[in-house]
């Protein structure tokens, strides 16, 4: 219903193409490579710093499930602690890609 009200109040040229009036909702269309990191951050309760460290280490957010089962496998560290320990162990070797 909200969509219908907004669509009626939008200018005529914006009513024709659905992509142009997305800014009325405030939604952002993110690229899938960024959305994967956002979903991993929510699912595994990571901070922005942990996500940045994992990106710099070249970690794959799709593989976090294998690393984050410290409740079943007690010898594993919790995922945030594991990322921190890797980052500080390999801190001098990291080169950040700006692309």
N, C-alpha and C. Protein backbone atom coordinates (compact mmCIF):
# COMPACT_ATOMS: atom_id res chain seq x y z
N UNK A 1 0.82 -1.19 0.00
CA UNK A 1 0.00 0.00 0.00
C UNK A 1 0.87 1.26 0.00
N UNK A 2 1.93 1.19 0.76
CA UNK A 2 2.85 2.31 0.77
C UNK A 2 3.44 2.51 -0.62
N UNK A 3 3.71 1.39 -1.28
CA UNK A 3 4.26 1.44 -2.63
C UNK A 3 3.29 2.15 -3.57
N UNK A 4 2.01 1.88 -3.46
CA UNK A 4 1.03 2.51 -4.34
C UNK A 4 0.95 4.01 -4.10
N UNK A 5 1.00 4.41 -2.83
CA UNK A 5 0.96 5.83 -2.54
C UNK A 5 2.18 6.55 -3.10
N UNK A 6 3.34 5.95 -2.95
CA UNK A 6 4.56 6.56 -3.45
C UNK A 6 4.56 6.60 -4.96
N UNK A 7 4.12 5.51 -5.57
CA UNK A 7 4.10 5.44 -7.03
C UNK A 7 3.15 6.49 -7.61
N UNK A 8 2.06 6.78 -6.93
CA UNK A 8 1.13 7.79 -7.43
C UNK A 8 1.69 9.19 -7.27
N UNK A 9 2.49 9.41 -6.23
CA UNK A 9 3.03 10.74 -6.01
C UNK A 9 4.33 10.98 -6.76
N UNK A 10 4.93 9.92 -7.30
CA UNK A 10 6.18 10.08 -8.04
C UNK A 10 5.90 10.74 -9.39
N UNK A 11 6.84 11.48 -9.92
CA UNK A 11 6.66 12.06 -11.25
C UNK A 11 6.42 10.98 -12.30
N UNK A 12 5.80 11.37 -13.39
CA UNK A 12 5.36 10.41 -14.40
C UNK A 12 6.51 9.62 -15.00
N UNK A 13 7.64 10.27 -15.29
CA UNK A 13 8.75 9.54 -15.92
C UNK A 13 9.39 8.54 -14.95
N UNK A 14 9.27 8.78 -13.64
CA UNK A 14 9.83 7.84 -12.67
C UNK A 14 8.88 6.70 -12.37
N UNK A 15 7.58 6.88 -12.64
CA UNK A 15 6.64 5.79 -12.45
C UNK A 15 6.82 4.71 -13.49
N UNK A 16 7.37 5.05 -14.63
CA UNK A 16 7.52 4.08 -15.71
C UNK A 16 8.63 3.08 -15.44
N UNK A 17 9.76 3.54 -14.92
CA UNK A 17 10.87 2.62 -14.69
C UNK A 17 10.98 2.36 -13.18
N UNK A 18 10.86 1.10 -12.76
CA UNK A 18 10.83 0.81 -11.32
C UNK A 18 12.14 1.06 -10.61
N UNK A 19 13.27 1.07 -11.31
CA UNK A 19 14.55 1.24 -10.64
C UNK A 19 14.76 2.67 -10.16
N UNK A 20 14.15 3.63 -10.81
CA UNK A 20 14.43 5.03 -10.48
C UNK A 20 13.75 5.50 -9.21
N UNK A 21 12.66 4.87 -8.79
CA UNK A 21 11.99 5.37 -7.60
C UNK A 21 12.35 4.56 -6.36
N UNK A 22 13.42 3.78 -6.42
CA UNK A 22 13.86 3.07 -5.22
C UNK A 22 14.36 4.04 -4.15
N UNK A 23 14.81 5.22 -4.56
CA UNK A 23 15.31 6.16 -3.56
C UNK A 23 14.17 6.69 -2.69
N UNK A 24 12.92 6.54 -3.08
CA UNK A 24 11.82 6.95 -2.23
C UNK A 24 11.74 6.05 -0.99
N UNK A 25 12.14 4.81 -1.12
CA UNK A 25 12.12 3.90 0.01
C UNK A 25 13.35 4.04 0.89
N UNK A 26 14.44 4.50 0.34
CA UNK A 26 15.69 4.56 1.07
C UNK A 26 16.48 3.26 0.97
N UNK A 27 16.10 2.37 0.06
CA UNK A 27 16.82 1.11 -0.11
C UNK A 27 18.05 1.34 -0.97
N UNK A 28 19.06 0.55 -0.71
CA UNK A 28 20.26 0.61 -1.52
C UNK A 28 20.45 -0.74 -2.18
N UNK A 29 20.73 -0.73 -3.44
CA UNK A 29 21.05 -1.97 -4.13
C UNK A 29 22.56 -2.15 -4.07
N UNK A 30 22.98 -3.16 -3.32
CA UNK A 30 24.40 -3.41 -3.16
C UNK A 30 24.84 -4.51 -4.10
N UNK A 31 26.10 -4.45 -4.45
CA UNK A 31 26.66 -5.52 -5.25
C UNK A 31 26.71 -6.79 -4.40
N UNK A 32 26.58 -7.95 -5.02
CA UNK A 32 26.58 -9.20 -4.25
C UNK A 32 27.85 -9.42 -3.43
N UNK A 33 29.00 -8.93 -3.93
CA UNK A 33 30.22 -9.15 -3.17
C UNK A 33 30.22 -8.38 -1.85
N UNK A 34 29.51 -7.26 -1.79
CA UNK A 34 29.40 -6.52 -0.55
C UNK A 34 28.29 -7.08 0.34
N UNK A 35 27.22 -7.54 -0.28
CA UNK A 35 26.09 -8.08 0.47
C UNK A 35 26.49 -9.35 1.22
N UNK A 36 27.39 -10.15 0.66
CA UNK A 36 27.87 -11.36 1.33
C UNK A 36 28.56 -11.00 2.64
N UNK A 37 29.36 -9.95 2.63
CA UNK A 37 30.05 -9.52 3.85
C UNK A 37 29.07 -8.99 4.89
N UNK A 38 28.05 -8.27 4.44
CA UNK A 38 27.05 -7.73 5.37
C UNK A 38 26.27 -8.87 6.02
N UNK A 39 25.90 -9.87 5.21
CA UNK A 39 25.17 -11.01 5.76
C UNK A 39 26.04 -11.79 6.75
N UNK A 40 27.32 -11.96 6.43
CA UNK A 40 28.22 -12.67 7.34
C UNK A 40 28.39 -11.90 8.65
N UNK A 41 28.43 -10.58 8.55
CA UNK A 41 28.58 -9.77 9.76
C UNK A 41 27.37 -9.94 10.68
N UNK A 42 26.18 -9.97 10.11
CA UNK A 42 24.98 -10.15 10.92
C UNK A 42 24.88 -11.56 11.47
N UNK A 43 25.18 -12.54 10.64
CA UNK A 43 25.00 -13.94 11.04
C UNK A 43 25.97 -14.36 12.14
N UNK A 44 27.22 -13.94 12.04
CA UNK A 44 28.24 -14.38 12.99
C UNK A 44 28.57 -13.32 14.02
N UNK A 45 27.81 -12.23 14.05
CA UNK A 45 27.95 -11.15 15.05
C UNK A 45 29.37 -10.60 15.10
N UNK A 46 29.83 -10.17 13.96
CA UNK A 46 31.17 -9.61 13.85
C UNK A 46 31.08 -8.09 13.81
N UNK A 47 32.13 -7.43 14.24
CA UNK A 47 32.17 -5.97 14.18
C UNK A 47 32.73 -5.54 12.83
N UNK A 48 32.67 -4.25 12.57
CA UNK A 48 33.25 -3.72 11.34
C UNK A 48 34.75 -3.98 11.29
N UNK A 49 35.39 -3.89 12.44
CA UNK A 49 36.84 -4.13 12.48
C UNK A 49 37.17 -5.57 12.13
N UNK A 50 36.35 -6.52 12.62
CA UNK A 50 36.60 -7.92 12.30
C UNK A 50 36.40 -8.19 10.80
N UNK A 51 35.39 -7.56 10.22
CA UNK A 51 35.14 -7.74 8.78
C UNK A 51 36.31 -7.15 7.99
N UNK A 52 36.80 -6.00 8.40
CA UNK A 52 37.92 -5.38 7.70
C UNK A 52 39.17 -6.24 7.80
N UNK A 53 39.41 -6.80 8.99
CA UNK A 53 40.57 -7.68 9.15
C UNK A 53 40.43 -8.92 8.28
N UNK A 54 39.23 -9.50 8.23
CA UNK A 54 39.01 -10.70 7.42
C UNK A 54 39.19 -10.40 5.94
N UNK A 55 38.75 -9.22 5.50
CA UNK A 55 38.95 -8.83 4.10
C UNK A 55 40.43 -8.69 3.78
N UNK A 56 41.17 -8.07 4.68
CA UNK A 56 42.60 -7.87 4.44
C UNK A 56 43.36 -9.19 4.46
N UNK A 57 42.86 -10.17 5.24
CA UNK A 57 43.49 -11.48 5.26
C UNK A 57 43.12 -12.31 4.03
N UNK A 58 42.12 -11.87 3.29
CA UNK A 58 41.69 -12.61 2.11
C UNK A 58 40.77 -13.77 2.44
N UNK A 59 40.06 -13.68 3.55
CA UNK A 59 39.17 -14.76 3.96
C UNK A 59 37.90 -14.74 3.13
N UNK A 60 37.26 -15.89 3.02
CA UNK A 60 36.03 -16.04 2.27
C UNK A 60 34.86 -16.08 3.26
N UNK A 61 33.92 -15.13 3.18
CA UNK A 61 32.82 -15.12 4.15
C UNK A 61 31.90 -16.33 4.02
N UNK A 62 31.92 -16.99 2.88
CA UNK A 62 31.09 -18.19 2.72
C UNK A 62 31.63 -19.36 3.55
N UNK A 63 32.90 -19.31 3.92
CA UNK A 63 33.54 -20.39 4.68
C UNK A 63 33.53 -20.13 6.20
N UNK A 64 32.91 -19.05 6.64
CA UNK A 64 32.90 -18.74 8.06
C UNK A 64 32.17 -19.79 8.88
N UNK A 65 31.23 -20.49 8.29
CA UNK A 65 30.48 -21.52 9.02
C UNK A 65 31.37 -22.64 9.49
N UNK A 66 32.40 -22.98 8.70
CA UNK A 66 33.34 -24.02 9.12
C UNK A 66 34.21 -23.55 10.27
N UNK A 67 34.48 -22.27 10.34
CA UNK A 67 35.37 -21.73 11.36
C UNK A 67 34.63 -21.35 12.64
N UNK A 68 33.33 -21.17 12.56
CA UNK A 68 32.58 -20.59 13.67
C UNK A 68 31.87 -21.61 14.55
N UNK A 69 32.16 -22.89 14.43
CA UNK A 69 31.43 -23.87 15.25
C UNK A 69 32.23 -24.24 16.49
N UNK A 70 32.57 -23.24 17.29
CA UNK A 70 33.37 -23.48 18.50
C UNK A 70 32.54 -24.09 19.63
N UNK A 71 31.21 -24.11 19.49
CA UNK A 71 30.39 -24.76 20.52
C UNK A 71 30.44 -26.27 20.38
N UNK A 72 30.53 -26.75 19.15
CA UNK A 72 30.60 -28.20 18.92
C UNK A 72 32.03 -28.72 18.99
N UNK A 73 32.95 -27.93 18.49
CA UNK A 73 34.36 -28.33 18.51
C UNK A 73 35.08 -27.38 19.47
N UNK A 74 35.26 -27.84 20.68
CA UNK A 74 35.71 -26.96 21.75
C UNK A 74 37.15 -26.51 21.60
N UNK A 75 37.92 -27.16 20.76
CA UNK A 75 39.31 -26.76 20.57
C UNK A 75 39.43 -25.54 19.67
N UNK A 76 38.32 -25.14 19.02
CA UNK A 76 38.36 -23.96 18.14
C UNK A 76 38.10 -22.69 18.94
N UNK A 77 38.71 -21.61 18.47
CA UNK A 77 38.45 -20.29 19.05
C UNK A 77 37.14 -19.75 18.48
N UNK A 78 36.48 -18.86 19.19
CA UNK A 78 35.36 -18.14 18.57
C UNK A 78 35.85 -17.36 17.36
N UNK A 79 34.98 -17.17 16.38
CA UNK A 79 35.38 -16.58 15.10
C UNK A 79 36.02 -15.19 15.25
N UNK A 80 35.48 -14.27 16.05
CA UNK A 80 36.15 -12.96 16.18
C UNK A 80 37.57 -13.08 16.75
N UNK A 81 37.74 -13.96 17.73
CA UNK A 81 39.08 -14.15 18.30
C UNK A 81 40.03 -14.78 17.30
N UNK A 82 39.51 -15.71 16.50
CA UNK A 82 40.32 -16.36 15.49
C UNK A 82 40.80 -15.37 14.43
N UNK A 83 39.90 -14.49 13.99
CA UNK A 83 40.27 -13.48 13.00
C UNK A 83 41.32 -12.53 13.57
N UNK A 84 41.14 -12.12 14.83
CA UNK A 84 42.12 -11.23 15.46
C UNK A 84 43.48 -11.89 15.58
N UNK A 85 43.50 -13.15 16.00
CA UNK A 85 44.80 -13.82 16.18
C UNK A 85 45.50 -14.00 14.83
N UNK A 86 44.75 -14.33 13.78
CA UNK A 86 45.35 -14.42 12.45
C UNK A 86 45.89 -13.08 11.99
N UNK A 87 45.10 -12.04 12.23
CA UNK A 87 45.49 -10.71 11.77
C UNK A 87 46.77 -10.23 12.47
N UNK A 88 46.86 -10.43 13.77
CA UNK A 88 48.03 -9.96 14.49
C UNK A 88 49.25 -10.85 14.26
N UNK A 89 49.01 -12.13 13.91
CA UNK A 89 50.11 -13.02 13.60
C UNK A 89 50.70 -12.70 12.23
N UNK A 90 49.83 -12.40 11.26
CA UNK A 90 50.27 -12.11 9.89
C UNK A 90 50.23 -10.62 9.58
N UNK A 91 50.26 -9.78 10.58
CA UNK A 91 50.08 -8.35 10.39
C UNK A 91 51.09 -7.69 9.49
N UNK A 92 52.34 -8.12 9.53
CA UNK A 92 53.39 -7.48 8.71
C UNK A 92 53.31 -7.92 7.26
N UNK A 93 52.71 -9.09 7.01
CA UNK A 93 52.69 -9.63 5.65
C UNK A 93 51.53 -9.13 4.81
N UNK A 94 50.60 -8.39 5.40
CA UNK A 94 49.36 -8.01 4.71
C UNK A 94 49.61 -6.80 3.84
N UNK A 95 49.16 -6.91 2.58
CA UNK A 95 49.13 -5.77 1.67
C UNK A 95 47.68 -5.56 1.26
N UNK A 96 47.18 -4.37 1.44
CA UNK A 96 45.77 -4.07 1.19
C UNK A 96 45.60 -3.72 -0.27
N UNK A 97 44.60 -4.35 -0.90
CA UNK A 97 44.25 -4.06 -2.28
C UNK A 97 43.23 -2.93 -2.29
N UNK A 98 43.47 -1.86 -2.99
CA UNK A 98 42.56 -0.72 -3.03
C UNK A 98 41.63 -0.81 -4.25
N UNK A 99 41.32 -1.99 -4.71
CA UNK A 99 40.51 -2.09 -5.92
C UNK A 99 39.24 -2.77 -5.78
